[in-house]
Amino acid sequence: MSVKIRLARGGSKKRPFYSIVVANITAPRDGRFIEKIGTYNPMLPKDSEGRVNLNTERAQHWLSVGATPTDRVARFLDAAGLMTRKQRNNPNKAKPGAKAQERIEMQKQKEEEARLAVEEAAAAE
């Protein structure tokens, strides 16, 4: 049985509230879970103490027996000092796409042609 530490959504429409639960990976997102180990309220300010409540003792226990946290829960556990999450590195994400690079090249060519035309006009006078 594979176990994950994940978020189960609660709250009403447009007012999310999450429970941090330990659940079997085949269980529904908001359905059956093994143990509730905390809460997450994204509606509170980021610096609020009540935004993330986590039973660190139980979280440490579940991590020690092999439960894998989801990305968001891994952030919470990292902030609590229970684990270190792997930093993501995607340098290609910031690069513009092929069409954008083509547009940039066309813009550079137009600017170069305009600069040469201005220089020729200045030299002719």
C-alpha atoms as a PDB file:
ATOM      1  CA  MET A   1       0.000   0.000   0.000  1.00  0.00           C
ATOM      2  CA  SER A   2       1.570   3.277  -1.145  1.00  0.00           C
ATOM      3  CA  VAL A   3       0.836   6.215   1.086  1.00  0.00           C
ATOM      4  CA  LYS A   4       0.982   9.933   0.313  1.00  0.00           C
ATOM      5  CA  ILE A   5       0.795  13.012   2.494  1.00  0.00           C
ATOM      6  CA  ARG A   6      -1.496  15.324   0.551  1.00  0.00           C
ATOM      7  CA  LEU A   7      -4.154  18.018   0.738  1.00  0.00           C
ATOM      8  CA  ALA A   8      -7.877  17.231   0.961  1.00  0.00           C
ATOM      9  CA  ARG A   9     -10.069  20.184  -0.009  1.00  0.00           C
ATOM     10  CA  GLY A  10     -12.816  21.439   2.234  1.00  0.00           C
ATOM     11  CA  GLY A  11     -14.580  24.742   2.661  1.00  0.00           C
ATOM     12  CA  SER A  12     -17.236  26.276   0.480  1.00  0.00           C
ATOM     13  CA  LYS A  13     -17.162  27.604  -3.054  1.00  0.00           C
ATOM     14  CA  LYS A  14     -14.421  30.219  -3.563  1.00  0.00           C
ATOM     15  CA  ARG A  15     -13.385  29.807   0.110  1.00  0.00           C
ATOM     16  CA  PRO A  16     -10.896  26.909   0.066  1.00  0.00           C
ATOM     17  CA  PHE A  17      -9.691  25.179   3.202  1.00  0.00           C
ATOM     18  CA  TYR A  18      -7.459  22.127   3.116  1.00  0.00           C
ATOM     19  CA  SER A  19      -6.749  19.302   5.512  1.00  0.00           C
ATOM     20  CA  ILE A  20      -3.275  17.796   5.385  1.00  0.00           C
ATOM     21  CA  VAL A  21      -3.948  14.073   5.383  1.00  0.00           C
ATOM     22  CA  VAL A  22      -2.143  10.779   5.026  1.00  0.00           C
ATOM     23  CA  ALA A  23      -4.009   8.680   2.472  1.00  0.00           C
ATOM     24  CA  ASN A  24      -3.643   5.690   0.220  1.00  0.00           C
ATOM     25  CA  ILE A  25      -2.759   6.870  -3.285  1.00  0.00           C
ATOM     26  CA  THR A  26      -5.829   5.167  -4.764  1.00  0.00           C
ATOM     27  CA  ALA A  27      -8.253   6.913  -2.381  1.00  0.00           C
ATOM     28  CA  PRO A  28     -10.255   9.903  -3.706  1.00  0.00           C
ATOM     29  CA  ARG A  29      -8.787  13.353  -3.070  1.00  0.00           C
ATOM     30  CA  ASP A  30     -11.440  14.396  -0.550  1.00  0.00           C
ATOM     31  CA  GLY A  31     -12.440  10.888   0.441  1.00  0.00           C
ATOM     32  CA  ARG A  32     -11.067   8.231   2.700  1.00  0.00           C
ATOM     33  CA  PHE A  33      -7.814   8.919   4.542  1.00  0.00           C
ATOM     34  CA  ILE A  34      -5.720   7.209   7.176  1.00  0.00           C
ATOM     35  CA  GLU A  35      -4.912  10.161   9.435  1.00  0.00           C
ATOM     36  CA  LYS A  36      -5.350  13.933   9.476  1.00  0.00           C
ATOM     37  CA  ILE A  37      -2.070  15.579  10.460  1.00  0.00           C
ATOM     38  CA  GLY A  38      -2.770  19.261   9.870  1.00  0.00           C
ATOM     39  CA  THR A  39      -4.637  22.058   8.120  1.00  0.00           C
ATOM     40  CA  TYR A  40      -3.893  24.704   5.497  1.00  0.00           C
ATOM     41  CA  ASN A  41      -5.950  27.868   5.057  1.00  0.00           C
ATOM     42  CA  PRO A  42      -4.805  29.751   1.916  1.00  0.00           C
ATOM     43  CA  MET A  43      -7.233  32.608   2.641  1.00  0.00           C
ATOM     44  CA  LEU A  44      -5.071  33.839   5.522  1.00  0.00           C
ATOM     45  CA  PRO A  45      -2.086  36.158   4.880  1.00  0.00           C
ATOM     46  CA  LYS A  46       1.195  34.415   4.065  1.00  0.00           C
ATOM     47  CA  ASP A  47       2.831  35.537   7.307  1.00  0.00           C
ATOM     48  CA  SER A  48      -0.076  34.377   9.488  1.00  0.00           C
ATOM     49  CA  GLU A  49       0.653  31.655  12.045  1.00  0.00           C
ATOM     50  CA  GLY A  50      -2.673  29.918  11.445  1.00  0.00           C
ATOM     51  CA  ARG A  51      -2.127  29.509   7.705  1.00  0.00           C
ATOM     52  CA  VAL A  52      -0.444  26.100   8.115  1.00  0.00           C
ATOM     53  CA  ASN A  53      -0.988  23.954  11.205  1.00  0.00           C
ATOM     54  CA  LEU A  54       0.965  20.724  11.198  1.00  0.00           C
ATOM     55  CA  ASN A  55       1.433  17.953  13.747  1.00  0.00           C
ATOM     56  CA  THR A  56       5.177  17.625  13.191  1.00  0.00           C
ATOM     57  CA  GLU A  57       5.500  14.497  15.321  1.00  0.00           C
ATOM     58  CA  ARG A  58       2.983  12.556  13.228  1.00  0.00           C
ATOM     59  CA  ALA A  59       4.352  13.969   9.974  1.00  0.00           C
ATOM     60  CA  GLN A  60       7.838  12.796  10.948  1.00  0.00           C
ATOM     61  CA  HIS A  61       6.433   9.358  11.767  1.00  0.00           C
ATOM     62  CA  TRP A  62       4.743   9.016   8.372  1.00  0.00           C
ATOM     63  CA  LEU A  63       7.843  10.213   6.551  1.00  0.00           C
ATOM     64  CA  SER A  64       9.922   7.640   8.439  1.00  0.00           C
ATOM     65  CA  VAL A  65       7.644   4.785   7.355  1.00  0.00           C
ATOM     66  CA  GLY A  66       7.841   5.815   3.701  1.00  0.00           C
ATOM     67  CA  ALA A  67       4.967   8.188   2.979  1.00  0.00           C
ATOM     68  CA  THR A  68       5.756  10.539   0.096  1.00  0.00           C
ATOM     69  CA  PRO A  69       4.511  14.135   0.270  1.00  0.00           C
ATOM     70  CA  THR A  70       3.028  16.001  -2.672  1.00  0.00           C
ATOM     71  CA  ASP A  71       4.786  19.147  -3.929  1.00  0.00           C
ATOM     72  CA  ARG A  72       2.735  21.597  -1.859  1.00  0.00           C
ATOM     73  CA  VAL A  73       2.963  19.501   1.309  1.00  0.00           C
ATOM     74  CA  ALA A  74       6.719  19.129   0.745  1.00  0.00           C
ATOM     75  CA  ARG A  75       6.940  22.945   0.871  1.00  0.00           C
ATOM     76  CA  PHE A  76       5.136  22.945   4.228  1.00  0.00           C
ATOM     77  CA  LEU A  77       7.376  20.193   5.596  1.00  0.00           C
ATOM     78  CA  ASP A  78      10.459  22.058   4.385  1.00  0.00           C
ATOM     79  CA  ALA A  79       9.277  25.234   6.131  1.00  0.00           C
ATOM     80  CA  ALA A  80       8.708  23.205   9.320  1.00  0.00           C
ATOM     81  CA  GLY A  81      12.231  21.761   9.057  1.00  0.00           C
ATOM     82  CA  LEU A  82      11.134  18.136   8.697  1.00  0.00           C
ATOM     83  CA  MET A  83      12.679  17.556   5.283  1.00  0.00           C
ATOM     84  CA  THR A  84      14.534  19.355   2.531  1.00  0.00           C
ATOM     85  CA  ARG A  85      12.782  19.494  -0.785  1.00  0.00           C
ATOM     86  CA  LYS A  86      14.707  19.264  -4.000  1.00  0.00           C
ATOM     87  CA  GLN A  87      15.045  22.654  -5.690  1.00  0.00           C
ATOM     88  CA  ARG A  88      13.705  22.703  -9.206  1.00  0.00           C
ATOM     89  CA  ASN A  89      15.842  24.070 -11.998  1.00  0.00           C
ATOM     90  CA  ASN A  90      14.385  24.709 -15.424  1.00  0.00           C
ATOM     91  CA  PRO A  91      16.582  27.268 -17.195  1.00  0.00           C
ATOM     92  CA  ASN A  92      14.821  26.713 -20.531  1.00  0.00           C
ATOM     93  CA  LYS A  93      11.516  27.954 -19.141  1.00  0.00           C
ATOM     94  CA  ALA A  94      12.674  31.581 -19.197  1.00  0.00           C
ATOM     95  CA  LYS A  95      13.874  31.427 -22.806  1.00  0.00           C
ATOM     96  CA  PRO A  96      11.490  32.788 -25.440  1.00  0.00           C
ATOM     97  CA  GLY A  97       9.929  30.362 -27.899  1.00  0.00           C
ATOM     98  CA  ALA A  98      10.941  29.908 -31.543  1.00  0.00           C
ATOM     99  CA  LYS A  99       8.447  32.434 -32.915  1.00  0.00           C
ATOM    100  CA  ALA A 100       9.374  35.008 -30.287  1.00  0.00           C
ATOM    101  CA  GLN A 101      13.071  34.589 -31.120  1.00  0.00           C
ATOM    102  CA  GLU A 102      12.222  35.027 -34.800  1.00  0.00           C
ATOM    103  CA  ARG A 103      10.349  38.254 -34.017  1.00  0.00           C
ATOM    104  CA  ILE A 104      13.308  39.515 -31.975  1.00  0.00           C
ATOM    105  CA  GLU A 105      15.671  38.816 -34.893  1.00  0.00           C
ATOM    106  CA  MET A 106      13.358  40.657 -37.313  1.00  0.00           C
ATOM    107  CA  GLN A 107      13.196  43.620 -34.921  1.00  0.00           C
ATOM    108  CA  LYS A 108      17.004  43.710 -34.661  1.00  0.00           C
ATOM    109  CA  GLN A 109      17.318  43.659 -38.461  1.00  0.00           C
ATOM    110  CA  LYS A 110      14.849  46.538 -38.832  1.00  0.00           C
ATOM    111  CA  GLU A 111      16.684  48.573 -36.197  1.00  0.00           C
ATOM    112  CA  GLU A 112      20.022  47.903 -37.908  1.00  0.00           C
ATOM    113  CA  GLU A 113      18.625  48.933 -41.314  1.00  0.00           C
ATOM    114  CA  ALA A 114      17.136  52.110 -39.831  1.00  0.00           C
ATOM    115  CA  ARG A 115      20.443  52.957 -38.136  1.00  0.00           C
ATOM    116  CA  LEU A 116      22.359  52.446 -41.398  1.00  0.00           C
ATOM    117  CA  ALA A 117      19.860  54.613 -43.296  1.00  0.00           C
ATOM    118  CA  VAL A 118      20.275  57.423 -40.746  1.00  0.00           C
ATOM    119  CA  GLU A 119      24.088  57.152 -40.972  1.00  0.00           C
ATOM    120  CA  GLU A 120      23.991  57.261 -44.799  1.00  0.00           C
ATOM    121  CA  ALA A 121      21.702  60.293 -44.729  1.00  0.00           C
ATOM    122  CA  ALA A 122      24.010  62.039 -42.275  1.00  0.00           C
ATOM    123  CA  ALA A 123      27.085  61.197 -44.399  1.00  0.00           C
ATOM    124  CA  ALA A 124      25.390  62.513 -47.577  1.00  0.00           C
ATOM    125  CA  GLU A 125      24.767  65.930 -46.020  1.00  0.00           C
END
